[in-house]
Amino acid sequence: MKTTAKKVFAFDRTNFILLAIGMAVVIVGMILMSGSGSDETTFNPAIFDARHVKVAPAVSLFGYLFIIYAILRRPRDKQSTDETEITKTEA
């Protein structure tokens, strides 16, 4: 006796795409934060530039919030979507 039980996953394809986009935004934010630092003999005032202090953390925060949204997003059920389409076509 062969049963074909469909596996139900917590995430669908859209969730994974949104997670990848969020990760890419976080990586861009971390790259914006990086830069040449100061060493023992010279001080580099560019480490306090607006890009390093304001823009990059904001981009990273947006990326993390986007990841949280991607995790919390509930995938649509195909079965309930099919049922609503059938009722729409019957009406």
PDB file of N, CA and C in Angstrom:
ATOM      1  N   MET A   1       0.840  -1.175   0.000  1.00  0.00           N
ATOM      2  CA  MET A   1       0.000   0.000   0.000  1.00  0.00           C
ATOM      3  C   MET A   1       0.887   1.239   0.000  1.00  0.00           C
ATOM      4  N   LYS A   2       0.706   2.069  -0.979  1.00  0.00           N
ATOM      5  CA  LYS A   2       1.545   3.245  -1.145  1.00  0.00           C
ATOM      6  C   LYS A   2       0.729   4.493  -0.831  1.00  0.00           C
ATOM      7  N   THR A   3       1.214   5.279   0.101  1.00  0.00           N
ATOM      8  CA  THR A   3       0.534   6.530   0.422  1.00  0.00           C
ATOM      9  C   THR A   3       1.385   7.689  -0.067  1.00  0.00           C
ATOM     10  N   THR A   4       0.735   8.652  -0.607  1.00  0.00           N
ATOM     11  CA  THR A   4       1.448   9.839  -1.085  1.00  0.00           C
ATOM     12  C   THR A   4       1.063  11.014  -0.205  1.00  0.00           C
ATOM     13  N   ALA A   5       1.743  11.128   0.901  1.00  0.00           N
ATOM     14  CA  ALA A   5       1.498  12.246   1.815  1.00  0.00           C
ATOM     15  C   ALA A   5       2.372  13.410   1.395  1.00  0.00           C
ATOM     16  N   LYS A   6       1.756  14.532   1.216  1.00  0.00           N
ATOM     17  CA  LYS A   6       2.495  15.729   0.815  1.00  0.00           C
ATOM     18  C   LYS A   6       3.143  16.353   2.046  1.00  0.00           C
ATOM     19  N   LYS A   7       4.426  16.643   1.930  1.00  0.00           N
ATOM     20  CA  LYS A   7       5.136  17.276   3.032  1.00  0.00           C
ATOM     21  C   LYS A   7       4.748  18.747   3.108  1.00  0.00           C
ATOM     22  N   VAL A   8       4.507  19.190   4.315  1.00  0.00           N
ATOM     23  CA  VAL A   8       4.141  20.581   4.530  1.00  0.00           C
ATOM     24  C   VAL A   8       5.317  21.266   5.214  1.00  0.00           C
ATOM     25  N   PHE A   9       5.835  22.292   4.582  1.00  0.00           N
ATOM     26  CA  PHE A   9       6.961  23.033   5.125  1.00  0.00           C
ATOM     27  C   PHE A   9       6.474  24.343   5.738  1.00  0.00           C
ATOM     28  N   ALA A  10       7.232  24.851   6.685  1.00  0.00           N
ATOM     29  CA  ALA A  10       6.859  26.106   7.321  1.00  0.00           C
ATOM     30  C   ALA A  10       7.079  27.289   6.376  1.00  0.00           C
ATOM     31  N   PHE A  11       8.063  27.180   5.480  1.00  0.00           N
ATOM     32  CA  PHE A  11       8.362  28.248   4.538  1.00  0.00           C
ATOM     33  C   PHE A  11       8.025  27.790   3.136  1.00  0.00           C
ATOM     34  N   ASP A  12       7.663  28.748   2.308  1.00  0.00           N
ATOM     35  CA  ASP A  12       7.508  28.443   0.892  1.00  0.00           C
ATOM     36  C   ASP A  12       8.625  29.143   0.124  1.00  0.00           C
ATOM     37  N   ARG A  13       8.547  29.088  -1.172  1.00  0.00           N
ATOM     38  CA  ARG A  13       9.613  29.642  -2.014  1.00  0.00           C
ATOM     39  C   ARG A  13       9.783  31.149  -1.787  1.00  0.00           C
ATOM     40  N   THR A  14       8.674  31.845  -1.600  1.00  0.00           N
ATOM     41  CA  THR A  14       8.721  33.291  -1.401  1.00  0.00           C
ATOM     42  C   THR A  14       9.451  33.645  -0.108  1.00  0.00           C
ATOM     43  N   ASN A  15       9.224  32.861   0.950  1.00  0.00           N
ATOM     44  CA  ASN A  15       9.923  33.112   2.205  1.00  0.00           C
ATOM     45  C   ASN A  15      11.440  33.009   2.028  1.00  0.00           C
ATOM     46  N   PHE A  16      11.875  32.002   1.299  1.00  0.00           N
ATOM     47  CA  PHE A  16      13.314  31.840   1.089  1.00  0.00           C
ATOM     48  C   PHE A  16      13.900  32.963   0.241  1.00  0.00           C
ATOM     49  N   ILE A  17      13.153  33.433  -0.738  1.00  0.00           N
ATOM     50  CA  ILE A  17      13.622  34.555  -1.557  1.00  0.00           C
ATOM     51  C   ILE A  17      13.732  35.809  -0.699  1.00  0.00           C
ATOM     52  N   LEU A  18      12.730  36.064   0.143  1.00  0.00           N
ATOM     53  CA  LEU A  18      12.779  37.232   1.027  1.00  0.00           C
ATOM     54  C   LEU A  18      13.930  37.124   2.026  1.00  0.00           C
ATOM     55  N   LEU A  19      14.186  35.924   2.531  1.00  0.00           N
ATOM     56  CA  LEU A  19      15.328  35.730   3.427  1.00  0.00           C
ATOM     57  C   LEU A  19      16.650  36.036   2.722  1.00  0.00           C
ATOM     58  N   ALA A  20      16.784  35.585   1.483  1.00  0.00           N
ATOM     59  CA  ALA A  20      18.013  35.847   0.726  1.00  0.00           C
ATOM     60  C   ALA A  20      18.191  37.343   0.470  1.00  0.00           C
ATOM     61  N   ILE A  21      17.105  38.033   0.155  1.00  0.00           N
ATOM     62  CA  ILE A  21      17.187  39.483  -0.061  1.00  0.00           C
ATOM     63  C   ILE A  21      17.603  40.185   1.228  1.00  0.00           C
ATOM     64  N   GLY A  22      17.003  39.784   2.348  1.00  0.00           N
ATOM     65  CA  GLY A  22      17.370  40.377   3.635  1.00  0.00           C
ATOM     66  C   GLY A  22      18.826  40.133   3.987  1.00  0.00           C
ATOM     67  N   MET A  23      19.303  38.934   3.734  1.00  0.00           N
ATOM     68  CA  MET A  23      20.717  38.640   4.000  1.00  0.00           C
ATOM     69  C   MET A  23      21.635  39.479   3.126  1.00  0.00           C
ATOM     70  N   ALA A  24      21.250  39.663   1.871  1.00  0.00           N
ATOM     71  CA  ALA A  24      22.061  40.485   0.967  1.00  0.00           C
ATOM     72  C   ALA A  24      22.109  41.931   1.451  1.00  0.00           C
ATOM     73  N   VAL A  25      20.989  42.455   1.938  1.00  0.00           N
ATOM     74  CA  VAL A  25      20.962  43.832   2.442  1.00  0.00           C
ATOM     75  C   VAL A  25      21.838  43.957   3.686  1.00  0.00           C
ATOM     76  N   VAL A  26      21.800  42.975   4.565  1.00  0.00           N
ATOM     77  CA  VAL A  26      22.658  43.004   5.759  1.00  0.00           C
ATOM     78  C   VAL A  26      24.132  42.958   5.356  1.00  0.00           C
ATOM     79  N   ILE A  27      24.466  42.139   4.388  1.00  0.00           N
ATOM     80  CA  ILE A  27      25.857  42.051   3.938  1.00  0.00           C
ATOM     81  C   ILE A  27      26.307  43.380   3.332  1.00  0.00           C
ATOM     82  N   VAL A  28      25.430  44.028   2.560  1.00  0.00           N
ATOM     83  CA  VAL A  28      25.769  45.347   2.000  1.00  0.00           C
ATOM     84  C   VAL A  28      26.003  46.347   3.130  1.00  0.00           C
ATOM     85  N   GLY A  29      25.166  46.298   4.169  1.00  0.00           N
ATOM     86  CA  GLY A  29      25.360  47.191   5.314  1.00  0.00           C
ATOM     87  C   GLY A  29      26.684  46.948   6.015  1.00  0.00           C
ATOM     88  N   MET A  30      27.058  45.689   6.160  1.00  0.00           N
ATOM     89  CA  MET A  30      28.343  45.386   6.797  1.00  0.00           C
ATOM     90  C   MET A  30      29.520  45.834   5.941  1.00  0.00           C
ATOM     91  N   ILE A  31      29.370  45.700   4.627  1.00  0.00           N
ATOM     92  CA  ILE A  31      30.438  46.173   3.727  1.00  0.00           C
ATOM     93  C   ILE A  31      30.565  47.689   3.814  1.00  0.00           C
ATOM     94  N   LEU A  32      29.419  48.387   3.918  1.00  0.00           N
ATOM     95  CA  LEU A  32      29.470  49.849   4.059  1.00  0.00           C
ATOM     96  C   LEU A  32      30.127  50.258   5.375  1.00  0.00           C
ATOM     97  N   MET A  33      29.976  49.442   6.414  1.00  0.00           N
ATOM     98  CA  MET A  33      30.597  49.759   7.697  1.00  0.00           C
ATOM     99  C   MET A  33      32.096  49.547   7.693  1.00  0.00           C
ATOM    100  N   SER A  34      32.560  48.644   6.854  1.00  0.00           N
ATOM    101  CA  SER A  34      33.994  48.353   6.854  1.00  0.00           C
ATOM    102  C   SER A  34      34.755  49.495   6.192  1.00  0.00           C
ATOM    103  N   GLY A  35      35.990  49.541   6.458  1.00  0.00           N
ATOM    104  CA  GLY A  35      36.838  50.582   5.880  1.00  0.00           C
ATOM    105  C   GLY A  35      38.185  50.558   6.562  1.00  0.00           C
ATOM    106  N   SER A  36      39.037  51.413   6.110  1.00  0.00           N
ATOM    107  CA  SER A  36      40.360  51.458   6.718  1.00  0.00           C
ATOM    108  C   SER A  36      40.243  52.087   8.101  1.00  0.00           C
ATOM    109  N   GLY A  37      40.857  51.471   9.046  1.00  0.00           N
ATOM    110  CA  GLY A  37      40.808  51.966  10.416  1.00  0.00           C
ATOM    111  C   GLY A  37      42.063  52.727  10.765  1.00  0.00           C
ATOM    112  N   SER A  38      42.152  53.108  11.996  1.00  0.00           N
ATOM    113  CA  SER A  38      43.341  53.785  12.491  1.00  0.00           C
ATOM    114  C   SER A  38      44.343  52.744  12.966  1.00  0.00           C
ATOM    115  N   ASP A  39      45.608  53.103  12.884  1.00  0.00           N
ATOM    116  CA  ASP A  39      46.623  52.215  13.446  1.00  0.00           C
ATOM    117  C   ASP A  39      47.296  52.918  14.616  1.00  0.00           C
ATOM    118  N   GLU A  40      48.339  52.350  15.131  1.00  0.00           N
ATOM    119  CA  GLU A  40      48.965  52.873  16.345  1.00  0.00           C
ATOM    120  C   GLU A  40      49.607  54.241  16.150  1.00  0.00           C
ATOM    121  N   THR A  41      50.064  54.523  14.943  1.00  0.00           N
ATOM    122  CA  THR A  41      50.813  55.773  14.746  1.00  0.00           C
ATOM    123  C   THR A  41      49.967  56.884  14.136  1.00  0.00           C
ATOM    124  N   THR A  42      48.966  56.555  13.358  1.00  0.00           N
ATOM    125  CA  THR A  42      48.153  57.593  12.713  1.00  0.00           C
ATOM    126  C   THR A  42      46.673  57.387  13.027  1.00  0.00           C
ATOM    127  N   PHE A  43      45.971  58.508  13.117  1.00  0.00           N
ATOM    128  CA  PHE A  43      44.532  58.483  13.356  1.00  0.00           C
ATOM    129  C   PHE A  43      43.827  58.790  12.048  1.00  0.00           C
ATOM    130  N   ASN A  44      42.851  57.993  11.691  1.00  0.00           N
ATOM    131  CA  ASN A  44      42.085  58.186  10.467  1.00  0.00           C
ATOM    132  C   ASN A  44      40.703  58.715  10.844  1.00  0.00           C
ATOM    133  N   PRO A  45      40.423  60.009  10.634  1.00  0.00           N
ATOM    134  CA  PRO A  45      39.115  60.558  11.010  1.00  0.00           C
ATOM    135  C   PRO A  45      37.976  60.069  10.114  1.00  0.00           C
ATOM    136  N   ALA A  46      38.292  59.377   9.024  1.00  0.00           N
ATOM    137  CA  ALA A  46      37.252  58.887   8.117  1.00  0.00           C
ATOM    138  C   ALA A  46      36.416  57.773   8.750  1.00  0.00           C
ATOM    139  N   ILE A  47      36.872  57.220   9.877  1.00  0.00           N
ATOM    140  CA  ILE A  47      36.079  56.180  10.520  1.00  0.00           C
ATOM    141  C   ILE A  47      34.815  56.737  11.147  1.00  0.00           C
ATOM    142  N   PHE A  48      34.760  58.052  11.344  1.00  0.00           N
ATOM    143  CA  PHE A  48      33.572  58.698  11.881  1.00  0.00           C
ATOM    144  C   PHE A  48      32.750  59.380  10.792  1.00  0.00           C
ATOM    145  N   ASP A  49      32.940  58.956   9.560  1.00  0.00           N
ATOM    146  CA  ASP A  49      32.187  59.491   8.429  1.00  0.00           C
ATOM    147  C   ASP A  49      30.719  59.084   8.550  1.00  0.00           C
ATOM    148  N   ALA A  50      29.838  59.829   7.897  1.00  0.00           N
ATOM    149  CA  ALA A  50      28.394  59.552   7.964  1.00  0.00           C
ATOM    150  C   ALA A  50      28.058  58.182   7.393  1.00  0.00           C
ATOM    151  N   ARG A  51      28.808  57.744   6.397  1.00  0.00           N
ATOM    152  CA  ARG A  51      28.552  56.427   5.812  1.00  0.00           C
ATOM    153  C   ARG A  51      28.781  55.318   6.828  1.00  0.00           C
ATOM    154  N   HIS A  52      29.839  55.434   7.621  1.00  0.00           N
ATOM    155  CA  HIS A  52      30.182  54.399   8.596  1.00  0.00           C
ATOM    156  C   HIS A  52      29.286  54.451   9.832  1.00  0.00           C
ATOM    157  N   VAL A  53      28.866  55.659  10.223  1.00  0.00           N
ATOM    158  CA  VAL A  53      28.177  55.828  11.496  1.00  0.00           C
ATOM    159  C   VAL A  53      26.655  55.836  11.347  1.00  0.00           C
ATOM    160  N   LYS A  54      26.133  56.371  10.246  1.00  0.00           N
ATOM    161  CA  LYS A  54      24.681  56.517  10.111  1.00  0.00           C
ATOM    162  C   LYS A  54      24.072  55.620   9.038  1.00  0.00           C
ATOM    163  N   VAL A  55      24.626  55.647   7.850  1.00  0.00           N
ATOM    164  CA  VAL A  55      24.006  54.953   6.720  1.00  0.00           C
ATOM    165  C   VAL A  55      24.134  53.431   6.867  1.00  0.00           C
ATOM    166  N   ALA A  56      25.313  52.946   7.139  1.00  0.00           N
ATOM    167  CA  ALA A  56      25.542  51.502   7.199  1.00  0.00           C
ATOM    168  C   ALA A  56      24.735  50.822   8.309  1.00  0.00           C
ATOM    169  N   PRO A  57      24.683  51.363   9.528  1.00  0.00           N
ATOM    170  CA  PRO A  57      23.822  50.720  10.534  1.00  0.00           C
ATOM    171  C   PRO A  57      22.339  50.753  10.165  1.00  0.00           C
ATOM    172  N   ALA A  58      21.895  51.810   9.519  1.00  0.00           N
ATOM    173  CA  ALA A  58      20.494  51.881   9.095  1.00  0.00           C
ATOM    174  C   ALA A  58      20.193  50.827   8.030  1.00  0.00           C
ATOM    175  N   VAL A  59      21.114  50.629   7.102  1.00  0.00           N
ATOM    176  CA  VAL A  59      20.929  49.610   6.066  1.00  0.00           C
ATOM    177  C   VAL A  59      20.908  48.220   6.698  1.00  0.00           C
ATOM    178  N   SER A  60      21.812  47.979   7.636  1.00  0.00           N
ATOM    179  CA  SER A  60      21.844  46.676   8.306  1.00  0.00           C
ATOM    180  C   SER A  60      20.578  46.443   9.124  1.00  0.00           C
ATOM    181  N   LEU A  61      20.112  47.471   9.824  1.00  0.00           N
ATOM    182  CA  LEU A  61      18.879  47.338  10.601  1.00  0.00           C
ATOM    183  C   LEU A  61      17.696  47.034   9.686  1.00  0.00           C
ATOM    184  N   PHE A  62      17.610  47.713   8.555  1.00  0.00           N
ATOM    185  CA  PHE A  62      16.543  47.434   7.596  1.00  0.00           C
ATOM    186  C   PHE A  62      16.626  45.988   7.110  1.00  0.00           C
ATOM    187  N   GLY A  63      17.827  45.496   6.860  1.00  0.00           N
ATOM    188  CA  GLY A  63      18.006  44.117   6.432  1.00  0.00           C
ATOM    189  C   GLY A  63      17.548  43.124   7.490  1.00  0.00           C
ATOM    190  N   TYR A  64      17.885  43.393   8.761  1.00  0.00           N
ATOM    191  CA  TYR A  64      17.450  42.506   9.834  1.00  0.00           C
ATOM    192  C   TYR A  64      15.933  42.536   9.993  1.00  0.00           C
ATOM    193  N   LEU A  65      15.321  43.703   9.888  1.00  0.00           N
ATOM    194  CA  LEU A  65      13.860  43.793   9.964  1.00  0.00           C
ATOM    195  C   LEU A  65      13.207  43.052   8.800  1.00  0.00           C
ATOM    196  N   PHE A  66      13.821  43.131   7.640  1.00  0.00           N
ATOM    197  CA  PHE A  66      13.306  42.424   6.471  1.00  0.00           C
ATOM    198  C   PHE A  66      13.395  40.903   6.672  1.00  0.00           C
ATOM    199  N   ILE A  67      14.463  40.448   7.313  1.00  0.00           N
ATOM    200  CA  ILE A  67      14.610  39.030   7.611  1.00  0.00           C
ATOM    201  C   ILE A  67      13.532  38.582   8.600  1.00  0.00           C
ATOM    202  N   ILE A  68      13.271  39.401   9.600  1.00  0.00           N
ATOM    203  CA  ILE A  68      12.217  39.072  10.564  1.00  0.00           C
ATOM    204  C   ILE A  68      10.868  38.973   9.859  1.00  0.00           C
ATOM    205  N   TYR A  69      10.599  39.906   8.946  1.00  0.00           N
ATOM    206  CA  TYR A  69       9.358  39.826   8.171  1.00  0.00           C
ATOM    207  C   TYR A  69       9.297  38.540   7.347  1.00  0.00           C
ATOM    208  N   ALA A  70      10.415  38.172   6.739  1.00  0.00           N
ATOM    209  CA  ALA A  70      10.446  36.959   5.916  1.00  0.00           C
ATOM    210  C   ALA A  70      10.194  35.710   6.755  1.00  0.00           C
ATOM    211  N   ILE A  71      10.648  35.718   7.995  1.00  0.00           N
ATOM    212  CA  ILE A  71      10.418  34.574   8.866  1.00  0.00           C
ATOM    213  C   ILE A  71       8.973  34.525   9.339  1.00  0.00           C
ATOM    214  N   LEU A  72       8.412  35.677   9.670  1.00  0.00           N
ATOM    215  CA  LEU A  72       7.057  35.714  10.207  1.00  0.00           C
ATOM    216  C   LEU A  72       5.972  35.627   9.134  1.00  0.00           C
ATOM    217  N   ARG A  73       6.327  35.847   7.896  1.00  0.00           N
ATOM    218  CA  ARG A  73       5.344  35.805   6.809  1.00  0.00           C
ATOM    219  C   ARG A  73       4.757  34.409   6.701  1.00  0.00           C
ATOM    220  N   ARG A  74       3.453  34.332   6.704  1.00  0.00           N
ATOM    221  CA  ARG A  74       2.767  33.037   6.628  1.00  0.00           C
ATOM    222  C   ARG A  74       2.509  32.696   5.171  1.00  0.00           C
ATOM    223  N   PRO A  75       2.964  31.538   4.719  1.00  0.00           N
ATOM    224  CA  PRO A  75       2.712  31.150   3.331  1.00  0.00           C
ATOM    225  C   PRO A  75       1.227  30.862   3.115  1.00  0.00           C
ATOM    226  N   ARG A  76       0.761  31.152   1.933  1.00  0.00           N
ATOM    227  CA  ARG A  76      -0.636  30.904   1.602  1.00  0.00           C
ATOM    228  C   ARG A  76      -0.830  29.427   1.333  1.00  0.00           C
ATOM    229  N   ASP A  77      -1.959  28.910   1.776  1.00  0.00           N
ATOM    230  CA  ASP A  77      -2.294  27.518   1.505  1.00  0.00           C
ATOM    231  C   ASP A  77      -2.783  27.388   0.077  1.00  0.00           C
ATOM    232  N   LYS A  78      -2.237  26.426  -0.645  1.00  0.00           N
ATOM    233  CA  LYS A  78      -2.701  26.199  -2.013  1.00  0.00           C
ATOM    234  C   LYS A  78      -4.132  25.695  -2.002  1.00  0.00           C
ATOM    235  N   GLN A  79      -4.478  24.904  -1.013  1.00  0.00           N
ATOM    236  CA  GLN A  79      -5.803  24.326  -0.963  1.00  0.00           C
ATOM    237  C   GLN A  79      -6.856  25.417  -0.743  1.00  0.00           C
ATOM    238  N   SER A  80      -6.605  26.324   0.195  1.00  0.00           N
ATOM    239  CA  SER A  80      -7.582  27.386   0.438  1.00  0.00           C
ATOM    240  C   SER A  80      -7.611  28.370  -0.723  1.00  0.00           C
ATOM    241  N   THR A  81      -6.476  28.589  -1.388  1.00  0.00           N
ATOM    242  CA  THR A  81      -6.450  29.463  -2.551  1.00  0.00           C
ATOM    243  C   THR A  81      -7.255  28.851  -3.685  1.00  0.00           C
ATOM    244  N   ASP A  82      -7.126  27.539  -3.889  1.00  0.00           N
ATOM    245  CA  ASP A  82      -7.887  26.862  -4.931  1.00  0.00           C
ATOM    246  C   ASP A  82      -9.381  26.910  -4.635  1.00  0.00           C
ATOM    247  N   GLU A  83      -9.765  26.770  -3.369  1.00  0.00           N
ATOM    248  CA  GLU A  83     -11.174  26.811  -3.009  1.00  0.00           C
ATOM    249  C   GLU A  83     -11.771  28.185  -3.260  1.00  0.00           C
ATOM    250  N   THR A  84     -11.022  29.246  -2.955  1.00  0.00           N
ATOM    251  CA  THR A  84     -11.544  30.592  -3.206  1.00  0.00           C
ATOM    252  C   THR A  84     -11.652  30.869  -4.689  1.00  0.00           C
ATOM    253  N   GLU A  85     -10.735  30.330  -5.490  1.00  0.00           N
ATOM    254  CA  GLU A  85     -10.828  30.511  -6.931  1.00  0.00           C
ATOM    255  C   GLU A  85     -12.030  29.780  -7.506  1.00  0.00           C
ATOM    256  N   ILE A  86     -12.356  28.605  -6.952  1.00  0.00           N
ATOM    257  CA  ILE A  86     -13.514  27.853  -7.423  1.00  0.00           C
ATOM    258  C   ILE A  86     -14.794  28.602  -7.079  1.00  0.00           C
ATOM    259  N   THR A  87     -14.868  29.165  -5.872  1.00  0.00           N
ATOM    260  CA  THR A  87     -16.077  29.885  -5.498  1.00  0.00           C
ATOM    261  C   THR A  87     -16.225  31.171  -6.287  1.00  0.00           C
ATOM    262  N   LYS A  88     -15.117  31.786  -6.681  1.00  0.00           N
ATOM    263  CA  LYS A  88     -15.181  32.996  -7.486  1.00  0.00           C
ATOM    264  C   LYS A  88     -15.679  32.679  -8.899  1.00  0.00           C
ATOM    265  N   THR A  89     -15.250  31.545  -9.438  1.00  0.00           N
ATOM    266  CA  THR A  89     -15.676  31.205 -10.796  1.00  0.00           C
ATOM    267  C   THR A  89     -17.128  30.737 -10.820  1.00  0.00           C
ATOM    268  N   GLU A  90     -17.595  30.157  -9.714  1.00  0.00           N
ATOM    269  CA  GLU A  90     -18.999  29.712  -9.666  1.00  0.00           C
ATOM    270  C   GLU A  90     -19.948  30.889  -9.519  1.00  0.00           C
ATOM    271  N   ALA A  91     -19.516  31.948  -8.899  1.00  0.00           N
ATOM    272  CA  ALA A  91     -20.402  33.093  -8.660  1.00  0.00           C
ATOM    273  C   ALA A  91     -20.612  33.941  -9.883  1.00  0.00           C
TER     274      ALA A  91
END
